[in-house]
C-alpha atoms as a PDB file:
ATOM      1  CA  UNK A   1      12.587   3.216   9.744  1.00  0.00           C
ATOM      2  CA  UNK A   2      11.074   2.747   6.350  1.00  0.00           C
ATOM      3  CA  UNK A   3      12.113  -0.411   4.451  1.00  0.00           C
ATOM      4  CA  UNK A   4      11.576  -2.228   1.280  1.00  0.00           C
ATOM      5  CA  UNK A   5      11.639  -5.986   1.864  1.00  0.00           C
ATOM      6  CA  UNK A   6      12.128  -8.224  -1.058  1.00  0.00           C
ATOM      7  CA  UNK A   7      11.777 -11.951  -0.656  1.00  0.00           C
ATOM      8  CA  UNK A   8      12.570 -14.191  -3.771  1.00  0.00           C
ATOM      9  CA  UNK A   9      12.219 -17.951  -3.790  1.00  0.00           C
ATOM     10  CA  UNK A  10      13.240 -20.006  -6.742  1.00  0.00           C
ATOM     11  CA  UNK A  11      12.255 -23.561  -7.354  1.00  0.00           C
ATOM     12  CA  UNK A  12      14.103 -25.536  -9.991  1.00  0.00           C
ATOM     13  CA  UNK A  13      12.714 -29.120 -10.656  1.00  0.00           C
ATOM     14  CA  UNK A  14      14.681 -32.102 -11.990  1.00  0.00           C
ATOM     15  CA  UNK A  15      11.647 -32.936 -14.241  1.00  0.00           C
ATOM     16  CA  UNK A  16       8.553 -31.043 -15.309  1.00  0.00           C
ATOM     17  CA  UNK A  17       5.907 -30.384 -12.680  1.00  0.00           C
ATOM     18  CA  UNK A  18       2.375 -30.809 -14.060  1.00  0.00           C
ATOM     19  CA  UNK A  19       0.872 -28.450 -11.477  1.00  0.00           C
ATOM     20  CA  UNK A  20       1.584 -27.050  -8.108  1.00  0.00           C
ATOM     21  CA  UNK A  21      -0.383 -25.476  -5.225  1.00  0.00           C
ATOM     22  CA  UNK A  22       1.344 -23.065  -2.787  1.00  0.00           C
ATOM     23  CA  UNK A  23       0.588 -21.165   0.319  1.00  0.00           C
ATOM     24  CA  UNK A  24       2.652 -18.209   1.550  1.00  0.00           C
ATOM     25  CA  UNK A  25       2.848 -15.954   4.540  1.00  0.00           C
ATOM     26  CA  UNK A  26       5.143 -13.295   3.032  1.00  0.00           C
ATOM     27  CA  UNK A  27       3.146 -10.090   3.738  1.00  0.00           C
ATOM     28  CA  UNK A  28       4.199  -8.127   6.921  1.00  0.00           C
ATOM     29  CA  UNK A  29       1.636  -7.519   9.546  1.00  0.00           C
ATOM     30  CA  UNK A  30       0.448  -4.078  10.785  1.00  0.00           C
ATOM     31  CA  UNK A  31       0.307  -3.492  14.566  1.00  0.00           C
ATOM     32  CA  UNK A  32       1.477  -0.811  16.937  1.00  0.00           C
ATOM     33  CA  UNK A  33       5.062  -0.227  16.177  1.00  0.00           C
ATOM     34  CA  UNK A  34       4.911  -1.546  12.528  1.00  0.00           C
ATOM     35  CA  UNK A  35       2.795  -0.321   9.642  1.00  0.00           C
ATOM     36  CA  UNK A  36       2.539  -1.836   6.204  1.00  0.00           C
ATOM     37  CA  UNK A  37       2.432   0.574   3.430  1.00  0.00           C
ATOM     38  CA  UNK A  38       2.253  -1.605   0.316  1.00  0.00           C
ATOM     39  CA  UNK A  39       2.701  -5.220  -0.515  1.00  0.00           C
ATOM     40  CA  UNK A  40       2.749  -7.356  -3.716  1.00  0.00           C
ATOM     41  CA  UNK A  41       3.434 -11.032  -4.461  1.00  0.00           C
ATOM     42  CA  UNK A  42       4.279 -12.165  -8.046  1.00  0.00           C
ATOM     43  CA  UNK A  43       4.641 -15.690  -9.439  1.00  0.00           C
ATOM     44  CA  UNK A  44       6.256 -16.879 -12.524  1.00  0.00           C
ATOM     45  CA  UNK A  45       4.716 -18.908 -14.292  1.00  0.00           C
ATOM     46  CA  UNK A  46       1.529 -16.833 -13.950  1.00  0.00           C
ATOM     47  CA  UNK A  47      -0.865 -18.668 -11.499  1.00  0.00           C
ATOM     48  CA  UNK A  48      -4.358 -19.765 -12.614  1.00  0.00           C
ATOM     49  CA  UNK A  49      -5.556 -19.334  -9.024  1.00  0.00           C
ATOM     50  CA  UNK A  50      -4.444 -16.508  -6.696  1.00  0.00           C
ATOM     51  CA  UNK A  51      -6.318 -15.836  -3.367  1.00  0.00           C
ATOM     52  CA  UNK A  52      -5.682 -13.919  -0.163  1.00  0.00           C
ATOM     53  CA  UNK A  53      -7.062 -14.389   3.227  1.00  0.00           C
ATOM     54  CA  UNK A  54      -6.249 -13.941   6.939  1.00  0.00           C
ATOM     55  CA  UNK A  55      -5.616 -16.975   9.095  1.00  0.00           C
ATOM     56  CA  UNK A  56      -6.560 -17.803  12.682  1.00  0.00           C
ATOM     57  CA  UNK A  57      -3.671 -15.768  14.107  1.00  0.00           C
ATOM     58  CA  UNK A  58      -4.343 -12.654  11.990  1.00  0.00           C
ATOM     59  CA  UNK A  59      -1.542 -13.448   9.469  1.00  0.00           C
ATOM     60  CA  UNK A  60      -1.827 -12.527   5.753  1.00  0.00           C
ATOM     61  CA  UNK A  61      -1.984 -15.731   3.579  1.00  0.00           C
ATOM     62  CA  UNK A  62      -1.651 -15.803  -0.142  1.00  0.00           C
ATOM     63  CA  UNK A  63      -2.594 -19.037  -1.910  1.00  0.00           C
ATOM     64  CA  UNK A  64      -1.764 -19.631  -5.606  1.00  0.00           C
ATOM     65  CA  UNK A  65      -1.827 -22.567  -8.008  1.00  0.00           C
ATOM     66  CA  UNK A  66       0.126 -23.005 -11.310  1.00  0.00           C
ATOM     67  CA  UNK A  67      -1.902 -25.548 -13.256  1.00  0.00           C
ATOM     68  CA  UNK A  68       0.315 -26.044 -16.429  1.00  0.00           C
ATOM     69  CA  UNK A  69       3.573 -27.813 -16.790  1.00  0.00           C
ATOM     70  CA  UNK A  70       6.668 -25.966 -15.513  1.00  0.00           C
ATOM     71  CA  UNK A  71      10.348 -26.767 -14.619  1.00  0.00           C
ATOM     72  CA  UNK A  72      10.832 -23.708 -12.544  1.00  0.00           C
ATOM     73  CA  UNK A  73       8.895 -21.317 -10.335  1.00  0.00           C
ATOM     74  CA  UNK A  74       9.901 -17.933  -8.973  1.00  0.00           C
ATOM     75  CA  UNK A  75       7.858 -16.234  -6.184  1.00  0.00           C
ATOM     76  CA  UNK A  76       8.724 -12.647  -5.235  1.00  0.00           C
ATOM     77  CA  UNK A  77       7.203 -10.715  -2.418  1.00  0.00           C
ATOM     78  CA  UNK A  78       7.918  -6.987  -2.323  1.00  0.00           C
ATOM     79  CA  UNK A  79       6.719  -4.885   0.673  1.00  0.00           C
ATOM     80  CA  UNK A  80       7.171  -1.389   1.977  1.00  0.00           C
ATOM     81  CA  UNK A  81       7.037  -1.366   5.684  1.00  0.00           C
ATOM     82  CA  UNK A  82       7.540   1.186   8.494  1.00  0.00           C
ATOM     83  CA  UNK A  83       9.063   0.041  11.737  1.00  0.00           C
ATOM     84  CA  UNK A  84       9.347   2.162  14.878  1.00  0.00           C
ATOM     85  CA  UNK A  85      12.032   1.730  17.592  1.00  0.00           C
ATOM     86  CA  UNK A  86      10.587  -0.203  20.553  1.00  0.00           C
ATOM     87  CA  UNK A  87      10.930   1.485  23.937  1.00  0.00           C
ATOM     88  CA  UNK A  88      12.400  -0.621  26.763  1.00  0.00           C
ATOM     89  CA  UNK A  89       9.447  -2.686  28.343  1.00  0.00           C
ATOM     90  CA  UNK A  90       8.393  -1.786  31.842  1.00  0.00           C
ATOM     91  CA  UNK A  91       7.439  -4.804  33.764  1.00  0.00           C
ATOM     92  CA  UNK A  92       8.035  -5.882  37.303  1.00  0.00           C
ATOM     93  CA  UNK A  93       5.537  -8.867  37.746  1.00  0.00           C
ATOM     94  CA  UNK A  94       7.286 -12.054  39.075  1.00  0.00           C
ATOM     95  CA  UNK A  95       7.212 -15.069  36.682  1.00  0.00           C
ATOM     96  CA  UNK A  96       5.177 -17.071  39.198  1.00  0.00           C
ATOM     97  CA  UNK A  97       2.562 -14.346  39.522  1.00  0.00           C
ATOM     98  CA  UNK A  98       2.493 -14.039  35.730  1.00  0.00           C
ATOM     99  CA  UNK A  99       2.051 -17.663  35.292  1.00  0.00           C
ATOM    100  CA  UNK A 100      -0.781 -17.859  37.800  1.00  0.00           C
ATOM    101  CA  UNK A 101      -2.475 -14.784  36.487  1.00  0.00           C
ATOM    102  CA  UNK A 102      -2.568 -16.028  32.904  1.00  0.00           C
ATOM    103  CA  UNK A 103      -3.783 -19.429  34.078  1.00  0.00           C
ATOM    104  CA  UNK A 104      -6.794 -17.604  35.768  1.00  0.00           C
ATOM    105  CA  UNK A 105      -7.615 -15.751  32.458  1.00  0.00           C
ATOM    106  CA  UNK A 106      -8.904 -12.637  34.068  1.00  0.00           C
ATOM    107  CA  UNK A 107      -9.328 -10.670  30.797  1.00  0.00           C
ATOM    108  CA  UNK A 108      -9.422 -11.127  27.097  1.00  0.00           C
ATOM    109  CA  UNK A 109      -5.682 -10.487  26.549  1.00  0.00           C
ATOM    110  CA  UNK A 110      -4.811 -13.157  29.087  1.00  0.00           C
ATOM    111  CA  UNK A 111      -7.295 -15.582  27.553  1.00  0.00           C
ATOM    112  CA  UNK A 112      -5.759 -15.042  24.069  1.00  0.00           C
ATOM    113  CA  UNK A 113      -2.230 -15.530  25.520  1.00  0.00           C
ATOM    114  CA  UNK A 114      -3.180 -18.652  27.426  1.00  0.00           C
ATOM    115  CA  UNK A 115      -3.392 -20.770  24.206  1.00  0.00           C
ATOM    116  CA  UNK A 116       0.350 -20.221  23.750  1.00  0.00           C
ATOM    117  CA  UNK A 117       1.112 -22.087  26.946  1.00  0.00           C
ATOM    118  CA  UNK A 118       0.314 -25.498  25.473  1.00  0.00           C
ATOM    119  CA  UNK A 119       2.472 -27.898  23.378  1.00  0.00           C
ATOM    120  CA  UNK A 120       2.375 -27.462  19.636  1.00  0.00           C
ATOM    121  CA  UNK A 121       3.392 -29.768  16.717  1.00  0.00           C
ATOM    122  CA  UNK A 122       7.019 -28.598  16.612  1.00  0.00           C
ATOM    123  CA  UNK A 123       7.259 -27.838  20.320  1.00  0.00           C
ATOM    124  CA  UNK A 124       6.385 -30.795  22.676  1.00  0.00           C
ATOM    125  CA  UNK A 125       6.575 -30.838  26.368  1.00  0.00           C
ATOM    126  CA  UNK A 126      10.086 -31.901  27.316  1.00  0.00           C
ATOM    127  CA  UNK A 127      11.364 -32.563  30.814  1.00  0.00           C
ATOM    128  CA  UNK A 128      14.901 -31.885  29.598  1.00  0.00           C
ATOM    129  CA  UNK A 129      14.061 -28.328  28.541  1.00  0.00           C
ATOM    130  CA  UNK A 130      12.324 -27.702  31.843  1.00  0.00           C
ATOM    131  CA  UNK A 131      15.615 -28.668  33.579  1.00  0.00           C
ATOM    132  CA  UNK A 132      17.669 -26.643  31.136  1.00  0.00           C
ATOM    133  CA  UNK A 133      15.579 -23.481  31.835  1.00  0.00           C
ATOM    134  CA  UNK A 134      15.685 -23.887  35.765  1.00  0.00           C
ATOM    135  CA  UNK A 135      18.693 -21.542  36.297  1.00  0.00           C
ATOM    136  CA  UNK A 136      16.743 -18.742  34.595  1.00  0.00           C
ATOM    137  CA  UNK A 137      13.627 -19.103  36.835  1.00  0.00           C
ATOM    138  CA  UNK A 138      14.673 -18.764  40.540  1.00  0.00           C
ATOM    139  CA  UNK A 139      11.872 -17.865  42.920  1.00  0.00           C
ATOM    140  CA  UNK A 140      10.788 -14.196  42.808  1.00  0.00           C
ATOM    141  CA  UNK A 141      12.641 -13.072  39.749  1.00  0.00           C
ATOM    142  CA  UNK A 142      10.572 -10.928  37.331  1.00  0.00           C
ATOM    143  CA  UNK A 143       9.359 -12.644  34.201  1.00  0.00           C
ATOM    144  CA  UNK A 144      11.153  -9.926  32.124  1.00  0.00           C
ATOM    145  CA  UNK A 145      14.408 -10.809  33.718  1.00  0.00           C
ATOM    146  CA  UNK A 146      13.782 -14.530  33.432  1.00  0.00           C
ATOM    147  CA  UNK A 147      12.985 -14.330  29.745  1.00  0.00           C
ATOM    148  CA  UNK A 148      16.044 -11.952  29.083  1.00  0.00           C
ATOM    149  CA  UNK A 149      18.347 -14.379  31.002  1.00  0.00           C
ATOM    150  CA  UNK A 150      17.060 -17.422  29.174  1.00  0.00           C
ATOM    151  CA  UNK A 151      17.356 -15.756  25.774  1.00  0.00           C
ATOM    152  CA  UNK A 152      21.010 -14.785  26.576  1.00  0.00           C
ATOM    153  CA  UNK A 153      21.824 -18.383  27.586  1.00  0.00           C
ATOM    154  CA  UNK A 154      20.562 -19.734  24.342  1.00  0.00           C
ATOM    155  CA  UNK A 155      22.647 -17.210  22.467  1.00  0.00           C
ATOM    156  CA  UNK A 156      25.763 -18.097  24.496  1.00  0.00           C
ATOM    157  CA  UNK A 157      25.345 -21.897  24.837  1.00  0.00           C
ATOM    158  CA  UNK A 158      24.145 -22.813  21.318  1.00  0.00           C
ATOM    159  CA  UNK A 159      26.187 -22.398  18.180  1.00  0.00           C
ATOM    160  CA  UNK A 160      24.614 -20.772  15.116  1.00  0.00           C
ATOM    161  CA  UNK A 161      25.409 -23.219  12.266  1.00  0.00           C
ATOM    162  CA  UNK A 162      23.412 -23.074   9.078  1.00  0.00           C
ATOM    163  CA  UNK A 163      22.359 -26.507   7.518  1.00  0.00           C
ATOM    164  CA  UNK A 164      23.247 -28.257  10.732  1.00  0.00           C
ATOM    165  CA  UNK A 165      19.519 -29.148  11.482  1.00  0.00           C
ATOM    166  CA  UNK A 166      16.293 -29.825   9.675  1.00  0.00           C
ATOM    167  CA  UNK A 167      12.945 -28.543  10.796  1.00  0.00           C
ATOM    168  CA  UNK A 168      11.904 -32.133  11.544  1.00  0.00           C
ATOM    169  CA  UNK A 169      14.771 -32.731  13.962  1.00  0.00           C
ATOM    170  CA  UNK A 170      13.471 -33.375  17.546  1.00  0.00           C
ATOM    171  CA  UNK A 171      14.088 -30.508  20.040  1.00  0.00           C
ATOM    172  CA  UNK A 172      15.654 -32.956  22.410  1.00  0.00           C
ATOM    173  CA  UNK A 173      18.343 -33.671  19.781  1.00  0.00           C
ATOM    174  CA  UNK A 174      18.908 -29.970  19.167  1.00  0.00           C
ATOM    175  CA  UNK A 175      19.342 -29.466  22.904  1.00  0.00           C
ATOM    176  CA  UNK A 176      21.824 -32.269  22.994  1.00  0.00           C
ATOM    177  CA  UNK A 177      23.797 -30.973  20.023  1.00  0.00           C
ATOM    178  CA  UNK A 178      23.657 -27.335  21.085  1.00  0.00           C
ATOM    179  CA  UNK A 179      23.831 -25.971  17.508  1.00  0.00           C
ATOM    180  CA  UNK A 180      21.223 -24.948  14.899  1.00  0.00           C
ATOM    181  CA  UNK A 181      19.631 -21.856  13.358  1.00  0.00           C
ATOM    182  CA  UNK A 182      17.141 -19.277  14.319  1.00  0.00           C
ATOM    183  CA  UNK A 183      14.124 -21.486  13.992  1.00  0.00           C
ATOM    184  CA  UNK A 184      15.664 -23.998  16.350  1.00  0.00           C
ATOM    185  CA  UNK A 185      16.684 -21.392  18.932  1.00  0.00           C
ATOM    186  CA  UNK A 186      13.177 -19.991  18.924  1.00  0.00           C
ATOM    187  CA  UNK A 187      11.715 -23.370  19.444  1.00  0.00           C
ATOM    188  CA  UNK A 188      14.043 -24.196  22.209  1.00  0.00           C
ATOM    189  CA  UNK A 189      13.342 -20.954  24.120  1.00  0.00           C
ATOM    190  CA  UNK A 190       9.520 -21.283  23.469  1.00  0.00           C
ATOM    191  CA  UNK A 191       9.579 -24.901  24.823  1.00  0.00           C
ATOM    192  CA  UNK A 192      11.397 -23.783  27.886  1.00  0.00           C
ATOM    193  CA  UNK A 193       9.135 -20.953  28.677  1.00  0.00           C
ATOM    194  CA  UNK A 194       5.933 -22.974  28.196  1.00  0.00           C
ATOM    195  CA  UNK A 195       7.340 -25.696  30.472  1.00  0.00           C
ATOM    196  CA  UNK A 196       7.027 -23.062  33.193  1.00  0.00           C
ATOM    197  CA  UNK A 197       3.506 -22.106  32.259  1.00  0.00           C
ATOM    198  CA  UNK A 198       4.627 -18.837  30.497  1.00  0.00           C
ATOM    199  CA  UNK A 199       2.806 -17.938  27.105  1.00  0.00           C
ATOM    200  CA  UNK A 200       5.282 -17.780  24.298  1.00  0.00           C
ATOM    201  CA  UNK A 201       4.716 -17.490  20.526  1.00  0.00           C
ATOM    202  CA  UNK A 202       6.901 -17.978  17.455  1.00  0.00           C
ATOM    203  CA  UNK A 203       7.533 -14.901  15.324  1.00  0.00           C
ATOM    204  CA  UNK A 204       8.704 -14.978  11.715  1.00  0.00           C
ATOM    205  CA  UNK A 205      10.240 -12.064   9.850  1.00  0.00           C
ATOM    206  CA  UNK A 206      13.330 -10.425   8.568  1.00  0.00           C
ATOM    207  CA  UNK A 207      16.403  -8.543   9.690  1.00  0.00           C
ATOM    208  CA  UNK A 208      17.640  -5.348   8.183  1.00  0.00           C
ATOM    209  CA  UNK A 209      20.331  -5.959   5.569  1.00  0.00           C
ATOM    210  CA  UNK A 210      23.825  -4.677   6.058  1.00  0.00           C
ATOM    211  CA  UNK A 211      23.868  -5.100   9.739  1.00  0.00           C
ATOM    212  CA  UNK A 212      25.983  -7.613  11.644  1.00  0.00           C
ATOM    213  CA  UNK A 213      23.145  -9.945  12.492  1.00  0.00           C
ATOM    214  CA  UNK A 214      23.223 -13.698  12.469  1.00  0.00           C
ATOM    215  CA  UNK A 215      20.503 -14.807  10.031  1.00  0.00           C
ATOM    216  CA  UNK A 216      20.327 -11.611   7.979  1.00  0.00           C
ATOM    217  CA  UNK A 217      19.279 -11.787   4.290  1.00  0.00           C
ATOM    218  CA  UNK A 218      17.054 -14.898   4.953  1.00  0.00           C
ATOM    219  CA  UNK A 219      13.903 -15.709   6.798  1.00  0.00           C
ATOM    220  CA  UNK A 220      14.366 -15.052  10.472  1.00  0.00           C
ATOM    221  CA  UNK A 221      12.549 -16.135  13.668  1.00  0.00           C
ATOM    222  CA  UNK A 222      12.406 -14.991  17.296  1.00  0.00           C
ATOM    223  CA  UNK A 223      10.253 -15.207  20.302  1.00  0.00           C
ATOM    224  CA  UNK A 224       7.468 -13.145  21.888  1.00  0.00           C
ATOM    225  CA  UNK A 225       6.630 -13.615  25.586  1.00  0.00           C
ATOM    226  CA  UNK A 226       3.468 -12.485  27.199  1.00  0.00           C
ATOM    227  CA  UNK A 227       3.893 -10.236  30.275  1.00  0.00           C
ATOM    228  CA  UNK A 228       0.472  -9.494  31.925  1.00  0.00           C
ATOM    229  CA  UNK A 229       1.601  -5.952  32.888  1.00  0.00           C
ATOM    230  CA  UNK A 230       3.279  -5.114  29.606  1.00  0.00           C
ATOM    231  CA  UNK A 231       1.811  -7.208  26.862  1.00  0.00           C
ATOM    232  CA  UNK A 232       3.931  -9.168  24.258  1.00  0.00           C
ATOM    233  CA  UNK A 233       7.580  -8.557  24.420  1.00  0.00           C
ATOM    234  CA  UNK A 234      10.091  -9.897  21.815  1.00  0.00           C
ATOM    235  CA  UNK A 235      13.360 -11.565  22.316  1.00  0.00           C
ATOM    236  CA  UNK A 236      15.779 -12.631  19.597  1.00  0.00           C
ATOM    237  CA  UNK A 237      17.978 -15.439  21.132  1.00  0.00           C
ATOM    238  CA  UNK A 238      19.950 -15.790  17.817  1.00  0.00           C
ATOM    239  CA  UNK A 239      21.366 -12.339  18.231  1.00  0.00           C
ATOM    240  CA  UNK A 240      21.106 -11.726  22.037  1.00  0.00           C
ATOM    241  CA  UNK A 241      18.882  -8.744  21.630  1.00  0.00           C
ATOM    242  CA  UNK A 242      15.364  -7.426  21.967  1.00  0.00           C
ATOM    243  CA  UNK A 243      13.905  -6.848  18.529  1.00  0.00           C
ATOM    244  CA  UNK A 244      13.347  -3.127  17.602  1.00  0.00           C
ATOM    245  CA  UNK A 245      13.468  -1.129  14.366  1.00  0.00           C
ATOM    246  CA  UNK A 246      15.987  -3.622  12.796  1.00  0.00           C
ATOM    247  CA  UNK A 247      13.364  -6.535  12.736  1.00  0.00           C
ATOM    248  CA  UNK A 248      10.351  -6.687  10.325  1.00  0.00           C
ATOM    249  CA  UNK A 249       7.607  -9.000  11.474  1.00  0.00           C
ATOM    250  CA  UNK A 250       5.795 -11.200   8.958  1.00  0.00           C
ATOM    251  CA  UNK A 251       3.549 -13.496  11.080  1.00  0.00           C
ATOM    252  CA  UNK A 252       3.204 -15.175  14.370  1.00  0.00           C
ATOM    253  CA  UNK A 253       1.791 -18.428  15.656  1.00  0.00           C
ATOM    254  CA  UNK A 254       2.554 -21.419  17.919  1.00  0.00           C
ATOM    255  CA  UNK A 255       5.587 -22.612  16.093  1.00  0.00           C
ATOM    256  CA  UNK A 256       7.160 -22.831  12.641  1.00  0.00           C
ATOM    257  CA  UNK A 257       4.408 -24.801  11.192  1.00  0.00           C
ATOM    258  CA  UNK A 258       1.944 -21.953  11.616  1.00  0.00           C
ATOM    259  CA  UNK A 259       3.912 -19.368   9.864  1.00  0.00           C
ATOM    260  CA  UNK A 260       6.041 -21.153   7.160  1.00  0.00           C
ATOM    261  CA  UNK A 261       6.914 -18.482   4.641  1.00  0.00           C
ATOM    262  CA  UNK A 262       6.269 -20.655   1.553  1.00  0.00           C
ATOM    263  CA  UNK A 263       5.109 -24.263   1.300  1.00  0.00           C
ATOM    264  CA  UNK A 264       3.091 -26.354  -1.051  1.00  0.00           C
ATOM    265  CA  UNK A 265       2.754 -29.545  -3.055  1.00  0.00           C
ATOM    266  CA  UNK A 266       3.663 -30.308  -6.694  1.00  0.00           C
ATOM    267  CA  UNK A 267       2.824 -33.249  -8.976  1.00  0.00           C
ATOM    268  CA  UNK A 268       5.894 -34.616 -10.587  1.00  0.00           C
ATOM    269  CA  UNK A 269       9.277 -32.876 -10.477  1.00  0.00           C
ATOM    270  CA  UNK A 270      11.453 -35.795  -9.367  1.00  0.00           C
ATOM    271  CA  UNK A 271      13.174 -33.576  -6.840  1.00  0.00           C
ATOM    272  CA  UNK A 272      13.902 -29.821  -6.477  1.00  0.00           C
ATOM    273  CA  UNK A 273      16.404 -27.190  -5.722  1.00  0.00           C
ATOM    274  CA  UNK A 274      15.278 -24.214  -3.679  1.00  0.00           C
ATOM    275  CA  UNK A 275      17.062 -20.822  -3.651  1.00  0.00           C
ATOM    276  CA  UNK A 276      15.970 -18.029  -1.262  1.00  0.00           C
ATOM    277  CA  UNK A 277      17.188 -14.378  -1.270  1.00  0.00           C
ATOM    278  CA  UNK A 278      16.055 -11.734   1.206  1.00  0.00           C
ATOM    279  CA  UNK A 279      16.915  -7.985   1.111  1.00  0.00           C
ATOM    280  CA  UNK A 280      15.554  -5.478   3.702  1.00  0.00           C
ATOM    281  CA  UNK A 281      16.877  -2.040   2.638  1.00  0.00           C
ATOM    282  CA  UNK A 282      16.103   1.357   4.156  1.00  0.00           C
ATOM    283  CA  UNK A 283      14.199   3.889   2.146  1.00  0.00           C
ATOM    284  CA  UNK A 284      14.231   7.608   2.363  1.00  0.00           C
ATOM    285  CA  UNK A 285      11.057   8.786   4.026  1.00  0.00           C
ATOM    286  CA  UNK A 286      10.297  11.085   0.938  1.00  0.00           C
ATOM    287  CA  UNK A 287      10.280   8.141  -1.461  1.00  0.00           C
ATOM    288  CA  UNK A 288       6.722   7.249  -2.561  1.00  0.00           C
ATOM    289  CA  UNK A 289       6.479   3.539  -3.111  1.00  0.00           C
ATOM    290  CA  UNK A 290       5.407   2.433  -6.580  1.00  0.00           C
ATOM    291  CA  UNK A 291       4.100  -0.998  -5.568  1.00  0.00           C
ATOM    292  CA  UNK A 292       0.261  -1.265  -5.532  1.00  0.00           C
ATOM    293  CA  UNK A 293      -1.263  -2.335  -2.270  1.00  0.00           C
ATOM    294  CA  UNK A 294      -2.964  -5.801  -2.262  1.00  0.00           C
END
């Protein structure tokens, strides 16, 4: 599938902001199964500083600064990206064997994956989540089956309820309340997997518009699990499925803090209102994108 993804963020301030500095991760990645054709980020008011780089995890980062007084700011990221359907993963390795193999770090891939076993700022080690995940990790079950079982349980046992949580809410409270949004469900599943020594990373992206997905037309999040005999395999606990051509990947990292789509600081303002709109629309293969690559 060839998509045009448009992500618009509007800030409206209660009082003028004298200057602001922002950092975004709004450019989709390229990797086997996904190819970025074009991408462009525009800012109004026009920024005095606009720089691009790649972060530690290989994500595209754009930094910009508006250095004159403004009462509103609009950031629009427009990308054309091609996503292929993912074949069903083939993996039979048991979860205990996978855990032990990654801990031994026998190759570069396992070494890279091993850093996703440890706690991170938004995903601490929690005994409660280890206990929650126990039914998904009986002795001898394959890691693929265990991860799929855990993802399905999060989907069934947690209620999707926008504005019911904040990113700062402790995971133990989300586990107790059994409700939240995609970021919460991804953090819950990752914490549970890591408690069993399984590498798991946080993936941010988008869902195709017009489909019956929970979390569509907004920033979305899901989970990637490392299987030593199959590589990284994605699970979307919010929608009870394995991401394929309906998901567009922006960035990945340890947790939400590593891949926040747009964040920054402003001097002044006295408070702000944020509005976000996301569209991911299919394009005909013959359409030639007009957006200049950057």
